[in-house]
Structures are given as structure tokens and as C-alpha cells.
Protein backbone atom coordinates (compact mmCIF):
# COMPACT_ATOMS: atom_id res chain seq x y z
CA MET A 1 10.82 47.24 14.50
CA ARG A 2 9.83 50.89 14.21
CA THR A 3 10.76 53.83 12.02
CA GLN A 4 9.29 57.20 11.18
CA VAL A 5 8.93 56.66 7.41
CA ALA A 6 8.74 53.28 5.67
CA ILE A 7 9.76 53.62 2.02
CA ILE A 8 8.66 50.86 -0.35
CA GLY A 9 10.83 50.87 -3.47
CA SER A 10 14.50 51.73 -3.90
CA GLY A 11 14.60 53.37 -7.29
CA PRO A 12 15.75 57.00 -7.52
CA SER A 13 12.63 58.40 -5.84
CA GLY A 14 12.77 56.08 -2.83
CA LEU A 15 16.52 56.48 -2.38
CA LEU A 16 16.41 60.27 -2.81
CA LEU A 17 13.57 60.61 -0.30
CA GLY A 18 15.45 58.43 2.16
CA GLN A 19 18.65 60.45 1.74
CA LEU A 20 16.90 63.80 2.19
CA LEU A 21 15.05 62.60 5.28
CA ASN A 22 18.27 61.19 6.70
CA GLN A 23 19.90 64.62 6.26
CA GLN A 24 17.19 66.01 8.54
CA GLY A 25 17.49 63.26 11.15
CA ILE A 26 14.20 61.60 10.14
CA ASN A 27 14.57 57.84 10.41
CA ASN A 28 13.47 55.68 7.49
CA ILE A 29 13.68 52.10 6.27
CA ILE A 30 13.72 51.17 2.57
CA LEU A 31 12.28 47.89 1.25
CA ASP A 32 12.60 46.43 -2.23
CA ARG A 33 11.73 43.02 -3.64
CA VAL A 34 14.67 42.96 -6.08
CA SER A 35 18.44 43.25 -5.72
CA PRO A 36 20.57 46.39 -6.11
CA ASP A 37 22.18 44.86 -9.22
CA TYR A 38 18.79 44.40 -10.84
CA ILE A 39 17.86 48.02 -10.14
CA LEU A 40 21.17 49.28 -11.53
CA GLY A 41 20.69 47.19 -14.66
CA ARG A 42 17.64 49.14 -15.78
CA ILE A 43 18.37 51.60 -18.62
CA ARG A 44 16.30 54.74 -18.13
CA ALA A 45 16.15 58.50 -18.63
CA GLY A 46 19.03 60.89 -18.47
CA VAL A 47 17.79 64.48 -19.01
CA ILE A 48 17.66 66.15 -15.59
CA GLU A 49 15.93 69.43 -14.74
CA GLN A 50 17.75 72.06 -12.69
CA GLY A 51 15.31 71.50 -9.82
CA PHE A 52 16.35 67.85 -9.64
CA VAL A 53 20.04 68.81 -9.68
CA ASP A 54 19.41 71.26 -6.84
CA LEU A 55 17.57 68.58 -4.86
CA MET A 56 20.48 66.15 -5.31
CA THR A 57 22.81 68.91 -4.13
CA GLU A 58 20.67 69.49 -1.05
CA ALA A 59 20.79 65.75 -0.37
CA GLY A 60 24.60 65.83 -0.50
CA VAL A 61 24.87 63.41 -3.44
CA ALA A 62 25.46 65.68 -6.45
CA GLU A 63 29.27 65.75 -6.50
CA ARG A 64 29.71 63.22 -9.31
CA MET A 65 26.71 64.56 -11.22
CA LEU A 66 28.18 68.07 -11.17
CA ARG A 67 31.58 66.72 -12.21
CA GLU A 68 30.58 64.24 -14.92
CA GLY A 69 27.13 65.37 -16.07
CA GLU A 70 26.85 67.46 -19.22
CA ILE A 71 25.07 70.80 -18.95
CA HIS A 72 22.98 71.53 -22.02
CA HIS A 73 21.94 75.07 -22.89
CA GLU A 74 20.08 74.18 -26.08
CA VAL A 75 17.96 71.49 -27.66
CA ASP A 76 17.44 71.05 -31.40
CA ILE A 77 14.19 70.18 -33.13
CA ALA A 78 14.56 69.01 -36.74
CA VAL A 79 11.39 69.16 -38.83
CA HIS A 80 11.65 67.46 -42.21
CA GLY A 81 15.39 68.15 -42.29
CA GLU A 82 15.27 71.77 -41.10
CA TYR A 83 16.82 72.60 -37.70
CA HIS A 84 15.17 74.81 -35.09
CA SER A 85 17.37 75.56 -32.09
CA ILE A 86 15.68 76.12 -28.72
CA ASN A 87 18.16 78.18 -26.72
CA LEU A 88 17.16 77.16 -23.21
CA LEU A 89 19.63 79.48 -21.49
CA GLN A 90 18.49 82.58 -23.35
CA LEU A 91 14.77 81.81 -23.38
CA THR A 92 14.49 80.93 -19.68
CA GLY A 93 16.76 83.55 -18.14
CA GLY A 94 19.71 81.24 -17.48
CA LYS A 95 18.22 77.79 -16.89
CA SER A 96 19.48 74.57 -18.49
CA VAL A 97 19.25 70.78 -18.24
CA THR A 98 21.88 68.21 -17.30
CA VAL A 99 22.44 64.92 -19.10
CA TYR A 100 23.29 62.30 -16.47
CA GLY A 101 21.98 58.75 -16.64
CA GLN A 102 19.39 57.44 -14.19
CA THR A 103 21.67 54.48 -13.49
CA GLU A 104 24.37 56.89 -12.33
CA ILE A 105 21.89 58.77 -10.13
CA THR A 106 20.79 55.49 -8.57
CA GLN A 107 24.39 54.42 -7.98
CA ASP A 108 25.22 57.71 -6.26
CA LEU A 109 22.16 57.41 -4.03
CA MET A 110 22.90 53.76 -3.20
CA ASP A 111 26.45 54.67 -2.22
CA ALA A 112 25.14 57.40 0.07
CA ARG A 113 22.58 55.00 1.55
CA ASN A 114 25.26 52.40 2.26
CA ALA A 115 27.35 55.05 4.01
CA SER A 116 24.44 56.08 6.24
CA ALA A 117 23.06 54.43 9.34
CA GLN A 118 19.66 53.90 7.71
CA ILE A 119 18.39 50.36 7.09
CA SER A 120 17.56 48.85 3.69
CA TYR A 121 16.12 45.42 2.93
CA TYR A 122 16.61 44.09 -0.58
CA GLY A 123 15.01 40.83 -1.68
CA ALA A 124 12.04 41.55 0.58
CA GLU A 125 9.12 39.29 -0.36
CA ASN A 126 5.37 39.74 0.07
CA VAL A 127 5.72 43.37 1.11
CA ALA A 128 2.35 44.75 2.20
CA PRO A 129 1.23 48.07 3.71
CA HIS A 130 -1.49 47.95 6.37
CA ASP A 131 -3.83 50.40 8.11
CA MET A 132 -2.74 53.22 5.80
CA ASN A 133 -5.88 55.19 6.61
CA SER A 134 -5.19 55.17 10.35
CA ASP A 135 -2.80 56.93 12.69
CA ASN A 136 -0.77 53.73 13.07
CA PRO A 137 0.18 52.32 9.66
CA TYR A 138 2.63 49.46 9.35
CA VAL A 139 4.34 47.33 6.72
CA THR A 140 4.96 43.58 6.73
CA PHE A 141 7.40 41.60 4.60
CA GLU A 142 9.27 38.32 4.47
CA LYS A 143 12.98 37.73 4.08
CA ASP A 144 14.98 34.53 4.38
CA GLY A 145 11.90 32.69 5.60
CA GLU A 146 11.21 35.13 8.43
CA THR A 147 8.29 37.57 8.71
CA PHE A 148 8.95 41.17 9.76
CA ARG A 149 6.73 44.08 10.77
CA ILE A 150 7.67 47.76 10.56
CA ASP A 151 5.53 50.19 12.54
CA CYS A 152 5.78 53.72 11.20
CA ASP A 153 4.21 57.15 11.03
CA TYR A 154 4.01 57.31 7.23
CA ILE A 155 4.48 55.05 4.19
CA ALA A 156 6.03 56.28 0.92
CA GLY A 157 5.01 54.20 -2.09
CA CYS A 158 7.94 54.49 -4.50
CA ASP A 159 7.50 51.01 -5.99
CA GLY A 160 6.58 51.80 -9.58
CA SER A 161 3.54 51.26 -11.76
CA HIS A 162 3.22 47.57 -10.91
CA GLY A 163 4.02 47.90 -7.20
CA ILE A 164 1.96 46.82 -4.23
CA CYS A 165 1.27 50.28 -2.79
CA ARG A 166 -1.27 51.48 -5.34
CA GLN A 167 -2.78 48.00 -5.51
CA SER A 168 -3.31 48.07 -1.73
CA ILE A 169 -5.62 51.08 -1.87
CA PRO A 170 -9.28 49.97 -1.63
CA ALA A 171 -11.38 49.93 -4.80
CA GLY A 172 -13.25 53.13 -5.45
CA VAL A 173 -10.73 55.44 -3.78
CA LEU A 174 -8.63 56.23 -6.85
CA THR A 175 -9.67 57.65 -10.20
CA GLU A 176 -7.45 56.57 -13.10
CA TYR A 177 -6.81 58.67 -16.22
CA GLU A 178 -5.06 57.04 -19.17
CA ARG A 179 -4.15 57.66 -22.79
CA VAL A 180 -2.41 54.89 -24.78
CA TYR A 181 -0.56 56.01 -27.92
CA PRO A 182 -0.57 53.90 -31.11
CA PHE A 183 3.22 53.62 -31.21
CA GLY A 184 6.27 52.88 -29.10
CA TRP A 185 9.92 53.88 -28.95
CA LEU A 186 12.57 51.45 -30.15
CA GLY A 187 15.68 52.41 -28.22
CA LEU A 188 19.30 51.48 -28.91
CA LEU A 189 22.24 52.09 -26.60
CA SER A 190 25.74 51.99 -28.07
CA ASP A 191 29.31 52.85 -27.14
CA THR A 192 29.64 55.34 -29.97
CA PRO A 193 30.17 59.12 -29.86
CA PRO A 194 26.86 61.01 -30.04
CA VAL A 195 25.92 62.45 -33.40
CA ASN A 196 25.44 65.88 -31.82
CA PHE A 197 26.34 67.54 -28.53
CA GLU A 198 22.78 68.86 -28.11
CA LEU A 199 19.85 66.49 -28.19
CA ILE A 200 18.00 66.35 -31.51
CA TYR A 201 14.24 65.73 -31.66
CA VAL A 202 13.34 64.69 -35.20
CA LYS A 203 10.01 64.86 -37.00
CA SER A 204 10.01 63.17 -40.41
CA ASP A 205 7.56 61.58 -42.83
CA GLU A 206 8.79 58.18 -41.62
CA GLY A 207 8.14 59.02 -37.96
CA PHE A 208 9.80 60.47 -34.89
CA ALA A 209 13.42 59.94 -33.85
CA LEU A 210 15.51 61.17 -30.94
CA CYS A 211 19.28 61.50 -30.73
CA SER A 212 20.22 61.47 -27.06
CA LYS A 213 23.32 60.54 -25.11
CA ARG A 214 24.67 59.26 -21.83
CA SER A 215 28.21 60.61 -22.15
CA ALA A 216 30.75 61.77 -24.72
CA SER A 217 31.29 58.15 -25.74
CA ARG A 218 27.87 56.53 -25.16
CA SER A 219 24.81 57.29 -27.27
CA ARG A 220 21.11 56.60 -26.87
CA TYR A 221 18.91 56.70 -29.96
CA TYR A 222 15.17 56.14 -30.41
CA LEU A 223 12.86 55.43 -33.33
CA GLN A 224 9.09 55.64 -33.36
CA VAL A 225 7.67 52.23 -34.33
CA PRO A 226 4.14 50.78 -34.49
CA LEU A 227 2.80 49.49 -31.19
CA ASP A 228 2.79 45.86 -32.39
CA GLU A 229 6.43 45.94 -33.60
CA LYS A 230 8.86 43.34 -32.18
CA VAL A 231 12.42 44.17 -31.16
CA GLU A 232 13.55 40.86 -32.69
CA ASN A 233 12.72 42.27 -36.11
CA TRP A 234 15.32 45.01 -35.74
CA SER A 235 18.92 44.13 -36.39
CA ASP A 236 21.51 46.77 -35.60
CA ASP A 237 21.97 47.41 -39.33
CA ARG A 238 18.25 47.94 -39.84
CA PHE A 239 18.11 50.36 -36.91
CA TRP A 240 21.04 52.46 -38.11
CA THR A 241 19.71 52.56 -41.67
CA GLU A 242 16.29 53.75 -40.56
CA LEU A 243 17.77 56.32 -38.17
CA LYS A 244 19.89 57.79 -40.98
CA ASN A 245 16.79 57.91 -43.15
CA ARG A 246 14.98 60.10 -40.60
CA LEU A 247 17.86 62.40 -39.66
CA PRO A 248 18.78 65.63 -41.46
CA ASP A 249 21.44 64.95 -44.09
CA ASP A 250 24.34 66.48 -42.16
CA ALA A 251 23.57 64.46 -39.04
CA ALA A 252 23.15 61.26 -41.05
CA ASP A 253 26.57 61.86 -42.66
CA ARG A 254 28.40 62.17 -39.33
CA LEU A 255 26.50 59.42 -37.47
CA VAL A 256 28.91 56.85 -36.02
CA THR A 257 27.37 53.38 -35.82
CA GLY A 258 28.39 50.33 -33.82
CA PRO A 259 27.15 47.24 -31.98
CA SER A 260 24.19 47.81 -29.68
CA ILE A 261 24.61 47.31 -25.94
CA GLU A 262 20.86 47.16 -25.42
CA LYS A 263 17.75 47.35 -27.59
CA SER A 264 14.18 47.50 -26.36
CA ILE A 265 10.74 48.81 -27.28
CA ALA A 266 8.80 50.92 -24.79
CA PRO A 267 5.09 51.59 -25.36
CA LEU A 268 3.99 55.17 -24.81
CA ARG A 269 1.13 56.15 -22.51
CA SER A 270 -0.08 58.90 -20.22
CA PHE A 271 -1.44 57.71 -16.85
CA VAL A 272 -2.37 59.53 -13.64
CA VAL A 273 -4.20 58.46 -10.49
CA GLU A 274 -6.03 60.84 -8.19
CA PRO A 275 -5.55 61.24 -5.30
CA MET A 276 -1.85 60.41 -4.91
CA GLN A 277 -2.32 59.31 -1.32
CA TYR A 278 -4.51 57.21 0.93
CA GLY A 279 -4.41 58.27 4.54
CA ARG A 280 -0.79 58.13 5.64
CA MET A 281 0.48 56.37 2.50
CA PHE A 282 1.75 58.55 -0.33
CA LEU A 283 2.34 57.53 -3.96
CA LEU A 284 5.42 58.90 -5.73
CA GLY A 285 6.77 58.61 -9.27
CA ASP A 286 5.56 55.77 -11.48
CA ALA A 287 3.31 54.50 -8.69
CA ALA A 288 1.11 57.53 -9.38
CA HIS A 289 1.82 58.68 -12.93
CA ILE A 290 3.41 57.65 -16.23
CA VAL A 291 4.25 60.02 -19.09
CA PRO A 292 5.60 59.39 -22.59
CA PRO A 293 9.33 60.16 -22.59
CA THR A 294 9.07 62.83 -25.28
CA GLY A 295 9.25 65.71 -22.80
CA ALA A 296 11.87 64.08 -20.53
CA LYS A 297 9.50 64.42 -17.57
CA GLY A 298 9.14 60.92 -16.04
CA LEU A 299 12.10 60.93 -13.65
CA ASN A 300 11.80 64.68 -13.11
CA LEU A 301 8.18 64.40 -12.00
CA ALA A 302 9.22 61.70 -9.55
CA ALA A 303 11.79 64.14 -8.15
CA SER A 304 9.15 66.83 -7.72
CA ASP A 305 6.98 64.33 -5.81
CA VAL A 306 9.96 63.64 -3.56
CA ASN A 307 10.51 67.36 -3.04
CA THR A 308 6.87 67.88 -2.05
CA LEU A 309 6.69 64.97 0.40
CA TYR A 310 10.13 65.68 1.87
CA ARG A 311 9.31 69.30 2.66
CA ILE A 312 5.92 68.34 4.09
CA LEU A 313 7.49 65.74 6.38
CA VAL A 314 10.23 68.11 7.54
CA LYS A 315 7.63 70.69 8.52
CA THR A 316 5.54 67.95 10.14
CA TYR A 317 8.39 66.68 12.32
CA LYS A 318 10.28 69.94 12.90
CA GLU A 319 7.39 72.40 13.21
CA GLY A 320 4.52 70.16 14.26
CA ARG A 321 2.52 70.96 11.09
CA GLN A 322 0.09 68.03 11.28
CA ASP A 323 -2.14 69.70 8.68
CA LEU A 324 0.27 69.40 5.77
CA ALA A 325 0.32 65.64 5.13
CA ALA A 326 -3.29 65.70 3.94
CA ARG A 327 -2.31 68.24 1.24
CA TYR A 328 0.41 66.14 -0.43
CA SER A 329 -1.76 64.95 -3.32
CA GLU A 330 -3.26 68.38 -3.97
CA ILE A 331 0.18 70.01 -4.18
CA ALA A 332 1.94 67.23 -6.09
CA LEU A 333 -0.81 66.88 -8.71
CA ARG A 334 -0.54 70.50 -9.82
CA ARG A 335 2.99 69.91 -11.10
CA VAL A 336 2.21 66.38 -12.28
CA TRP A 337 -0.61 67.55 -14.55
CA ASN A 338 1.64 70.26 -16.00
CA GLY A 339 4.23 67.59 -16.82
CA VAL A 340 1.63 65.22 -18.23
CA ARG A 341 0.20 67.96 -20.43
CA PHE A 342 3.64 69.01 -21.73
CA SER A 343 4.61 65.40 -22.49
CA TRP A 344 1.29 64.82 -24.29
CA TRP A 345 1.79 68.06 -26.24
CA MET A 346 5.33 67.21 -27.33
CA THR A 347 4.28 63.68 -28.25
CA ASN A 348 1.37 64.89 -30.36
CA MET A 349 3.39 67.53 -32.20
CA LEU A 350 6.45 65.40 -33.03
CA HIS A 351 5.05 61.95 -33.87
CA HIS A 352 3.40 60.56 -36.96
CA PHE A 353 0.04 59.00 -36.08
CA TYR A 354 -0.08 56.70 -39.11
CA SER A 355 -3.07 58.45 -40.65
CA ASP A 356 -3.56 61.12 -43.28
CA SER A 357 -6.15 63.17 -41.46
CA ILE A 358 -7.05 66.70 -40.48
CA GLU A 359 -5.50 66.03 -37.06
CA ASP A 360 -2.10 65.39 -38.67
CA LYS A 361 -2.30 68.70 -40.51
CA ILE A 362 -3.27 70.49 -37.29
CA ARG A 363 -0.31 68.94 -35.45
CA ASP A 364 2.07 70.11 -38.17
CA SER A 365 0.60 73.59 -38.04
CA GLU A 366 0.86 73.75 -34.24
CA LEU A 367 4.52 72.73 -34.26
CA ASN A 368 5.35 75.31 -36.93
CA PHE A 369 3.41 77.93 -34.96
CA PHE A 370 5.47 77.40 -31.80
CA LEU A 371 8.80 77.26 -33.59
CA ALA A 372 8.15 80.42 -35.60
CA SER A 373 8.57 83.01 -32.85
CA GLU A 374 10.85 83.60 -29.87
CA HIS A 375 7.88 84.25 -27.57
CA ARG A 376 6.32 80.88 -28.33
CA ARG A 377 9.65 79.03 -28.20
CA ARG A 378 10.01 80.48 -24.69
CA ILE A 379 6.82 78.65 -23.66
CA LEU A 380 8.38 75.39 -24.83
CA ALA A 381 11.76 76.12 -23.23
CA GLU A 382 10.35 77.06 -19.82
CA GLN A 383 8.52 73.76 -19.59
CA TYR A 384 11.44 71.73 -20.92
CA VAL A 385 13.86 73.00 -18.26
CA GLY A 386 11.20 72.40 -15.62
CA LEU A 387 8.66 74.55 -13.83
CA PRO A 388 9.69 75.66 -10.32
CA TYR A 389 8.80 73.51 -7.32
CA GLU A 390 5.90 74.80 -5.28
CA ASP A 391 6.66 76.24 -1.85
CA ILE A 392 5.13 74.41 1.09
CA GLU A 393 3.44 76.90 3.39
């Protein structure tokens, strides 16, 4: 079989790319080794930049997001019990973020995919890209005991950090950059009303905490824990007790607790590969970069990758711009490194590094420095709401 773009991976980045290309009449096939139910069962991020919202709108799949998502004009940072409000709307000239779960985004994109004429293969085994550095790449896979081949013009690797696309690039082509942090986030999801309408980032002597949400009746909370901590050691009661201990007194008093729906520990790391492409295969999202969730940039950086590749491919097919595909990595990495730096910065300023050192004192001083003036809070706010996407010329 043949298509113009073979997309490996059907998370939000693969589905969004497929939907945008479909809107422009560019044929694509999506492959994934797991089932739609498995993908929808993953609990992930929910703070969406305006650029991502606009991209979903352009793709024709933002109706439910605009109806059900919560627009947030502020974010609170609590430092040792004292609140500092970051007024995103005021500091950025009218920009905001939207809280809308990644699962909901994926569901909306899946529904749009099912309504389209584009082909998707779930449960595809032994997926492998071939001849990526030629003018005639192709992808092979197996399903129900039969082997298939997809000839294509381009391959989009949207298959995550453990996917086959990055692994298929020959040794020596990619340079990897990584920073592993000495702690993780213990997350709890519960059907309880959020403790606050705005998100609260908490810095305390006991460590970092985050009060987030998925809706008016579903909350997502996180605690910083040592990297070797086990989720089995954390009962719901222990989690709620420790969260109250880290929150400002007024938030602790109004916190509504309840049974957890899900609990897990995610290690924190920064990871980037350069370049983000090999010939006619492009890496998007977690296949190319991982950031700690402190700055809410993981899913949003994946969306900016999608935006870059989508606009390059539209100009390639519609305007004959054969020069642009080779520039994907160069363009995408500029925004990726900004997001990686911001996430690293937020992580360093807000977490306790389990050591009484000069670095800890410097981190405290830096956080106080940025919170102390409107000008410096603007720097934080502009990055939190998301830097603009780069034009493709």
C-alpha cells in the first residue's frame, strides 16, 4: 500500500498531525502497537498552551475543549506558606492556559480520526521504518499473522521515548543530552473538588507539591519524593497527610480528600536528541525530548513539533518547497530547547534537592528574585503560557 505520510504512534502528536494533514488533503496512515483503550488509559498532562488550543481549532477538533476546558488566567506559587500570584492575562497581554486532560484530547482526536477516511492500524506488531535516508522510505509491520508494507514520502516518528523510530536511526547520527533529577513526582488522581481554582505550585521545607485538576470534580495532586521511593509505601491517608503538611494553612484547611483513582511515581529527567530527524523520518514529542513536568511543557512541546512538521509538509506538497523538510530539526529544536530550559529552571527553583548546600541557598534567592517584581514575573508568565510558534518561510 502507499500513502504520503506514514505516522508511527497514535498518541496526541500522531493523531493531531494526521488530522491536520487530512484537513489539507494529505493522505496518511497511522500505526500503533497497542490498542486505543490502552492509549486512553494513560493519565497524563492537562495544562494546554494557547498555541495548542489554536492548533486543535485549526484541526477542527477543539469544540469540546472550548466547551469543557477551563481557562486559567493565573497560577499561584506558594513559598513556605506565602502566596505569589502570577497573573498570566495581565503579564502577557491577554494570554492564558487551558486545563483539559490529555486523555480528553486523545479521545477527541480519535473520534475525528474514526470519522475520516484515513487508515489506522492498531495492534501492529514489529513495526519498522526502512530507507529513511533515501527518497523512497517505507514502513513494514505485521498484523494478524500477515506482513504489510507501506511506501511513503515521509515518516513521522510519534512513538514515544521507547519507540522504534529513534532506535532505528544508525549509531553515531544522534547526540543525546540528559539530566536525571534525584527525585520523582508521586501523583494521585481523585474524584474530589480541587483545593483551588488556579493551580498551586508549592515550595516547602518538606519538598515540592502541586495542586492541579482535571475538572471541577476531579483533582490531580503531586508530591516530590526521593527517586528510590515506592508507590506501595504510600497509602491514601499518608499522601493526604503529607500534602496538607506542605500546603499553606488555608489550602490545607479546605482540602477535600477521598479515595485515589490512580497513584504512580514518575521520575524526572531532561532529555533531548539532536538532530530530530534522519533523512525523511522526523521525530516528534517524547521520541525526541523529555522534560520534567514542572513547567507543563511536555505535551505542549509535542504540539509545537506537530505544528512545525505540518506547516513544512503543507508547503512541500502545496507549494513544491522541497527545501523545507531538511530544516525541520533546526526549527523545532529552537522551541524545544526553550521549553527544556524553562522546565529545568522551574524544577530547580521549586524543588528541594535533599542537601544543605550553597546551591540550595542560590535556588531560594533566584525564586525570590523573580517573584519580587512585575517585570521578572512577566518573564515567567510569558514562558508558562507558551512562546509563539515560529513561522515557516
